[in-house]
Every structure is written in structure tokens, then in C-alpha cells.
Amino acid sequence: MRLRYAGVCRVCDRELPARTEAIYERSNRTVRCLTHHTSPAAAISPPATPMPTDEARDAVEATMTVDPGIPGASARREFERRRATREDRIRARHPKLGGLILAWSDEPQSTTAWDTGADGEERLGRSLNELAGDSLHVLHDRRIPRSRANIDHLAVTPNGVFVIDAKKYNGRPQLKVEGGLIRPRVEKLMVGSRDCTKLVDGVLKQVDLVRDIVGANVPVHGVLCFVAADWPLIGGAFMTRGIDVLWPNRLYPRLMSKGPLGSSELQELHRELASALPPA
């Protein structure tokens, strides 16, 4: 196979970089280089300086360290970039009054939106990190290849992978349904009076991307999590086009519930997603 992570040949101690073609021995979770593929004695014989099984496993897993990412990192960088660009532009145009103008003027909405988005991702990310453990592995702010977009959070759980888009919007999320009898049924996601249906389209694309990575046998769930919306005291959560729309405290029990996937499967899925979707 082509190695997803760097390793060390268990026979000759040769370093094998990531993406090198090598032989992965699933029984003891070690690797060996192709030069030993045709030599039965080399493939079966232990190394000259044998290592205990647990130590060997730890050594291999040490080469597979996963970077979980930083919640909201790319949104926070974009906000800081836009704010710095505006400040430089104003100070260049008004060398004497630039500081006063900046002090008495607000950032444009197109800039503050990045600050608000980053705050929502950071808040949800901190809570997910606190829940993380043997049965819940998380990734934050993952870059989508060949795209400027990113996935806010991924949660690998016994019930599958959750693709979570965090939003910090004002207003009450609601499902608006049009048509259904004579006209085709159309579902719209409204937050207050704002049509946010495009958010559902975005999560559906992310779900398809993750499903291509983990395979059809692993359930993939899409979630829109509004962290500071005007949710009612009773009810409020709903599903539209297969995407759950809810708030953090409604999400956490779903992530922590028991399911068919075991600890080793969760770790492998976590590494696989981290490799395919690097930090943004």
C-alpha cells in the first residue's frame, strides 16, 4: 500500500516517508519496505534487536500524530487581515488624522462578519475539545482541497462522522415549507427574516466530500449548529434535507451516544480525515 503516514521498516529500521509504497502488517500494526517483500525469511524473522509488542505499537503510532486544528483559526486570520488592511489604508490616506478616524469609525460589516464567525467556531470548538476522549475525536477548521472553503468541525463518534457547521446568527432558526400539493415542495431555512437556505447547500456538499473519504459503510451526519440564536424553550430543533439544525446543548448528547463503531475504528477514521483534510 502507499503509506498515509511516515513509518520505520521493522526489519532494517529504514525510514519510510509518507506516500512511500510499503507493506503494512495489520496483525502487529508495523510496516516493512518492499525490499523485504520477496524474502520470506526477512518477512518472518524478528528484527535483530527485538522490541516488545506494546513498544513497537507505540513507536508506529507515534508517527501518526494527528493535528486536531484550532477552532476558527482561518476565520480569525481573515478578520485580522481585513482589519489591518483597512487601518493601513486609512493611515496612508490620512497621515495626521488616521488614528482619530479609526477611533471614531466602526469596521465594515464585511469585516466584522469574520470576527463573529470566528467567535462562533471558537465557542463550539472549546466545548467539543472538552468532550473529546476515547469515544469522541474532533478536528477543527479543515481545509477543503482545491477550494477556499473549509469545514468548521468534524466529530468522529461511535455513530459515525458528524460534519458540523457553526454559525453565530441573531434571530430564530425556522423551517419554512412552500408548495407540496400542486407545486413542488420547497424547504427554506430562515433565521429571523433572513433566508439562509444556502447554508444547508454548503453542509450537504461537505457531507458528500467526507463520505467520499470514509466510504459508504460509515454514516456521515450533517449539522448546522447555531450557537447564539433565539431558540425557544421547548422544541425548536428540526431537520431539513437530511441536515440537523440545532444548538450546542442539543448536539452534545448525540455526539456522546453509543454506537457500533469501536475505539480502533474511531482512531483510524480520525487519522484518515486528518490526512485528507489538513488544517486550514
Protein backbone atom coordinates (compact mmCIF):
# COMPACT_ATOMS: atom_id res chain seq x y z
CA MET A 1 0.00 0.00 0.00
CA ARG A 2 1.01 3.66 -0.26
CA LEU A 3 1.64 4.80 3.32
CA ARG A 4 -0.63 7.51 4.61
CA TYR A 5 1.88 8.30 7.39
CA ALA A 6 5.64 8.02 7.77
CA GLY A 7 6.99 4.86 9.42
CA VAL A 8 10.07 2.72 10.00
CA CYS A 9 10.73 -0.69 8.44
CA ARG A 10 10.57 -3.27 11.22
CA VAL A 11 13.24 -5.42 9.51
CA CYS A 12 16.00 -2.97 8.60
CA ASP A 13 14.98 0.19 10.55
CA ARG A 14 14.87 2.16 7.31
CA GLU A 15 12.74 5.31 7.48
CA LEU A 16 9.73 5.21 5.16
CA PRO A 17 8.30 8.67 4.36
CA ALA A 18 4.57 9.23 3.90
CA ARG A 19 3.25 8.16 0.46
CA THR A 20 6.03 5.56 0.10
CA GLU A 21 4.87 2.18 -1.19
CA ALA A 22 5.42 -0.37 1.58
CA ILE A 23 3.88 -3.42 3.23
CA TYR A 24 1.58 -2.82 6.19
CA GLU A 25 1.32 -5.78 8.58
CA ARG A 26 -2.11 -5.38 10.10
CA SER A 27 -1.65 -8.15 12.67
CA ASN A 28 1.06 -6.27 14.58
CA ARG A 29 0.48 -2.80 13.08
CA THR A 30 4.00 -2.42 11.71
CA VAL A 31 5.42 -1.67 8.26
CA ARG A 32 8.31 -3.01 6.20
CA CYS A 33 9.87 -1.80 2.96
CA LEU A 34 9.35 -3.52 -0.39
CA THR A 35 12.92 -4.85 -0.49
CA HIS A 36 11.84 -7.49 2.03
CA HIS A 37 8.68 -8.44 0.18
CA THR A 38 10.27 -11.34 -1.73
CA SER A 39 12.35 -12.63 1.16
CA PRO A 40 10.24 -14.98 3.34
CA ALA A 41 12.98 -15.19 5.98
CA ALA A 42 13.22 -11.43 6.28
CA ALA A 43 9.44 -11.08 6.37
CA ILE A 44 9.06 -13.62 9.16
CA SER A 45 12.23 -13.13 11.22
CA PRO A 46 12.10 -10.57 14.03
CA PRO A 47 14.49 -7.61 13.92
CA ALA A 48 18.00 -8.09 15.25
CA THR A 49 17.10 -6.01 18.31
CA PRO A 50 13.56 -7.11 19.13
CA MET A 51 11.18 -4.61 20.63
CA PRO A 52 8.24 -5.52 22.90
CA THR A 53 4.91 -5.59 21.09
CA ASP A 54 3.45 -2.66 23.04
CA GLU A 55 6.55 -0.57 22.49
CA ALA A 56 6.56 -1.37 18.78
CA ARG A 57 2.93 -0.37 18.52
CA ASP A 58 3.60 2.88 20.36
CA ALA A 59 6.52 3.64 18.05
CA VAL A 60 4.38 3.19 14.95
CA GLU A 61 1.50 5.21 16.37
CA ALA A 62 3.91 7.99 17.32
CA THR A 63 4.47 8.59 13.60
CA MET A 64 0.72 9.02 13.12
CA THR A 65 0.14 12.03 15.39
CA VAL A 66 -2.98 13.93 14.38
CA ASP A 67 -3.12 17.73 14.37
CA PRO A 68 -6.69 18.47 15.53
CA GLY A 69 -6.52 22.05 14.30
CA ILE A 70 -7.54 25.29 16.03
CA PRO A 71 -11.24 26.23 16.09
CA GLY A 72 -11.95 29.32 14.00
CA ALA A 73 -8.29 29.83 13.08
CA SER A 74 -8.77 30.70 9.41
CA ALA A 75 -11.75 32.99 10.08
CA ARG A 76 -9.79 34.77 12.82
CA ARG A 77 -6.82 35.25 10.47
CA GLU A 78 -9.08 36.69 7.76
CA PHE A 79 -10.64 39.13 10.23
CA GLU A 80 -7.23 40.32 11.40
CA ARG A 81 -6.01 40.64 7.81
CA ARG A 82 -9.00 42.76 6.77
CA ARG A 83 -8.76 44.96 9.86
CA ALA A 84 -5.04 45.54 9.33
CA THR A 85 -5.56 46.32 5.63
CA ARG A 86 -8.21 48.92 6.45
CA GLU A 87 -6.04 50.51 9.12
CA ASP A 88 -3.04 50.73 6.77
CA ARG A 89 -5.19 52.24 4.03
CA ILE A 90 -6.71 54.91 6.29
CA ARG A 91 -3.38 55.86 7.84
CA ALA A 92 -1.79 56.12 4.39
CA ARG A 93 -4.56 58.40 3.10
CA HIS A 94 -4.75 60.50 6.28
CA PRO A 95 -1.30 60.55 7.93
CA LYS A 96 -2.34 63.09 10.59
CA LEU A 97 -5.95 62.12 11.24
CA GLY A 98 -5.78 58.38 10.59
CA GLY A 99 -5.72 57.41 14.27
CA LEU A 100 -8.70 59.64 15.04
CA ILE A 101 -10.68 58.30 12.10
CA LEU A 102 -10.04 54.72 13.21
CA ALA A 103 -11.03 55.53 16.78
CA TRP A 104 -14.35 57.09 15.75
CA SER A 105 -15.36 54.71 12.97
CA ASP A 106 -16.53 51.11 13.01
CA GLU A 107 -15.24 48.23 10.97
CA PRO A 108 -17.44 47.45 7.93
CA GLN A 109 -19.92 44.60 8.25
CA SER A 110 -17.97 42.56 5.71
CA THR A 111 -15.07 42.57 8.19
CA THR A 112 -16.98 42.11 11.45
CA ALA A 113 -18.77 39.10 9.94
CA TRP A 114 -15.45 37.24 10.03
CA ASP A 115 -14.98 38.15 13.70
CA THR A 116 -18.48 36.94 14.53
CA GLY A 117 -17.97 33.71 12.59
CA ALA A 118 -14.64 33.05 14.28
CA ASP A 119 -16.20 33.60 17.70
CA GLY A 120 -18.93 31.06 16.99
CA GLU A 121 -16.42 28.45 15.84
CA GLU A 122 -14.17 29.10 18.83
CA ARG A 123 -17.01 28.76 21.34
CA LEU A 124 -18.26 25.50 19.90
CA GLY A 125 -14.73 24.19 19.40
CA ARG A 126 -13.81 24.70 23.04
CA SER A 127 -16.82 22.68 24.16
CA LEU A 128 -16.06 19.89 21.68
CA ASN A 129 -12.48 19.71 22.95
CA GLU A 130 -13.77 19.32 26.50
CA LEU A 131 -15.97 16.39 25.40
CA ALA A 132 -13.25 14.67 23.36
CA GLY A 133 -11.96 11.32 24.58
CA ASP A 134 -11.72 7.66 23.60
CA SER A 135 -15.22 7.65 22.09
CA LEU A 136 -15.14 11.14 20.55
CA HIS A 137 -12.36 12.50 18.35
CA VAL A 138 -12.57 16.00 16.91
CA LEU A 139 -10.97 18.02 14.12
CA HIS A 140 -11.33 21.76 13.62
CA ASP A 141 -11.06 24.19 10.73
CA ARG A 142 -10.17 21.70 7.99
CA ARG A 143 -9.22 22.92 4.53
CA ILE A 144 -11.17 21.50 1.60
CA PRO A 145 -8.68 20.59 -1.17
CA ARG A 146 -8.80 22.73 -4.30
CA SER A 147 -11.14 25.19 -2.61
CA ARG A 148 -11.05 28.30 -0.46
CA ALA A 149 -13.75 26.81 1.75
CA ASN A 150 -13.25 24.92 4.99
CA ILE A 151 -15.13 22.59 7.33
CA ASP A 152 -15.63 24.13 10.77
CA HIS A 153 -15.66 20.93 12.86
CA LEU A 154 -15.59 17.16 12.39
CA ALA A 155 -16.59 14.79 15.19
CA VAL A 156 -15.76 11.09 14.87
CA THR A 157 -18.14 9.14 17.11
CA PRO A 158 -19.39 5.56 17.58
CA ASN A 159 -22.39 6.56 15.44
CA GLY A 160 -20.33 7.87 12.56
CA VAL A 161 -18.81 11.18 11.48
CA PHE A 162 -20.57 14.47 12.19
CA VAL A 163 -19.85 17.38 9.83
CA ILE A 164 -20.62 20.46 11.91
CA ASP A 165 -21.01 23.98 10.56
CA ALA A 166 -21.03 26.51 13.43
CA LYS A 167 -22.95 29.76 12.97
CA LYS A 168 -23.44 32.73 15.26
CA TYR A 169 -26.55 34.43 13.91
CA ASN A 170 -29.21 36.56 15.58
CA GLY A 171 -32.85 35.53 15.22
CA ARG A 172 -34.75 32.27 15.49
CA PRO A 173 -33.97 29.43 13.05
CA GLN A 174 -37.14 28.07 11.46
CA LEU A 175 -38.10 25.74 8.66
CA LYS A 176 -40.34 27.33 6.04
CA VAL A 177 -42.09 24.93 3.67
CA GLU A 178 -43.63 26.11 0.39
CA GLY A 179 -45.67 24.08 -2.08
CA GLY A 180 -46.30 20.39 -1.57
CA LEU A 181 -49.65 19.74 -3.28
CA ILE A 182 -49.76 21.38 -6.69
CA ARG A 183 -46.32 22.92 -6.65
CA PRO A 184 -43.11 21.05 -5.76
CA ARG A 185 -42.27 21.06 -2.05
CA VAL A 186 -39.51 23.54 -1.25
CA GLU A 187 -37.87 23.80 2.18
CA LYS A 188 -36.20 27.04 3.25
CA LEU A 189 -34.06 27.67 6.30
CA MET A 190 -34.98 31.02 7.80
CA VAL A 191 -33.14 32.74 10.63
CA GLY A 192 -35.44 35.55 11.69
CA SER A 193 -36.47 37.10 8.37
CA ARG A 194 -33.24 36.08 6.66
CA ASP A 195 -33.23 33.27 4.08
CA CYS A 196 -30.23 31.08 4.98
CA THR A 197 -31.03 28.10 2.76
CA LYS A 198 -27.60 28.35 1.14
CA LEU A 199 -26.09 27.22 4.44
CA VAL A 200 -27.84 23.86 4.01
CA ASP A 201 -26.44 23.57 0.48
CA GLY A 202 -22.94 24.13 1.86
CA VAL A 203 -23.22 21.44 4.53
CA LEU A 204 -24.61 18.95 2.00
CA LYS A 205 -21.51 19.46 -0.14
CA GLN A 206 -19.27 18.93 2.88
CA VAL A 207 -21.13 15.74 3.80
CA ASP A 208 -20.62 14.37 0.28
CA LEU A 209 -16.91 15.20 0.49
CA VAL A 210 -16.46 13.44 3.84
CA ARG A 211 -18.48 10.44 2.66
CA ASP A 212 -16.11 10.06 -0.30
CA ILE A 213 -13.19 9.95 2.16
CA VAL A 214 -14.55 7.50 4.75
CA GLY A 215 -16.56 5.27 2.41
CA ALA A 216 -20.19 4.29 2.17
CA ASN A 217 -20.09 1.99 5.22
CA VAL A 218 -19.51 4.85 7.68
CA PRO A 219 -22.55 7.04 8.49
CA VAL A 220 -21.95 10.74 7.87
CA HIS A 221 -24.28 13.28 9.51
CA GLY A 222 -24.58 16.95 8.59
CA VAL A 223 -25.25 19.54 11.30
CA LEU A 224 -25.90 23.27 11.32
CA CYS A 225 -25.25 24.43 14.88
CA PHE A 226 -26.42 27.95 15.75
CA VAL A 227 -24.53 28.88 18.90
CA ALA A 228 -26.30 32.09 19.91
CA ALA A 229 -29.65 32.06 18.15
CA ASP A 230 -33.07 32.79 19.67
CA TRP A 231 -34.13 29.20 20.29
CA PRO A 232 -37.49 28.54 22.02
CA LEU A 233 -37.66 26.99 25.49
CA ILE A 234 -39.45 23.90 24.15
CA GLY A 235 -38.71 22.24 20.81
CA GLY A 236 -37.01 24.24 18.12
CA ALA A 237 -34.58 21.75 16.55
CA PHE A 238 -35.51 20.40 13.13
CA MET A 239 -34.12 18.66 10.07
CA THR A 240 -34.12 19.93 6.52
CA ARG A 241 -32.95 17.85 3.54
CA GLY A 242 -31.17 15.49 5.92
CA ILE A 243 -29.29 18.22 7.79
CA ASP A 244 -29.91 18.69 11.52
CA VAL A 245 -30.45 22.28 12.61
CA LEU A 246 -29.94 22.71 16.36
CA TRP A 247 -27.95 24.35 19.16
CA PRO A 248 -24.86 23.10 21.09
CA ASN A 249 -26.61 21.55 24.10
CA ARG A 250 -28.85 19.61 21.74
CA LEU A 251 -25.84 18.43 19.75
CA TYR A 252 -23.61 17.14 22.57
CA PRO A 253 -25.79 14.15 23.63
CA ARG A 254 -25.87 12.93 20.03
CA LEU A 255 -22.09 13.01 19.83
CA MET A 256 -21.70 11.12 23.12
CA SER A 257 -24.29 8.38 22.47
CA LYS A 258 -23.21 4.76 22.00
CA GLY A 259 -22.91 3.23 18.55
CA PRO A 260 -21.47 0.33 16.53
CA LEU A 261 -18.01 1.78 15.80
CA GLY A 262 -15.20 0.70 18.14
CA SER A 263 -12.23 2.60 19.53
CA SER A 264 -9.73 1.38 16.91
CA GLU A 265 -12.14 2.25 14.10
CA LEU A 266 -12.61 5.75 15.50
CA GLN A 267 -8.85 6.31 15.67
CA GLU A 268 -8.35 5.15 12.09
CA LEU A 269 -11.19 7.36 10.82
CA HIS A 270 -9.74 10.29 12.76
CA ARG A 271 -6.31 9.82 11.14
CA GLU A 272 -7.81 9.29 7.70
CA LEU A 273 -9.84 12.51 7.85
CA ALA A 274 -6.92 14.49 9.30
CA SER A 275 -4.71 13.35 6.43
CA ALA A 276 -7.26 14.08 3.69
CA LEU A 277 -8.37 17.40 5.18
CA PRO A 278 -5.38 19.33 6.63
CA PRO A 279 -5.78 22.31 8.98
CA ALA A 280 -6.84 25.46 7.17
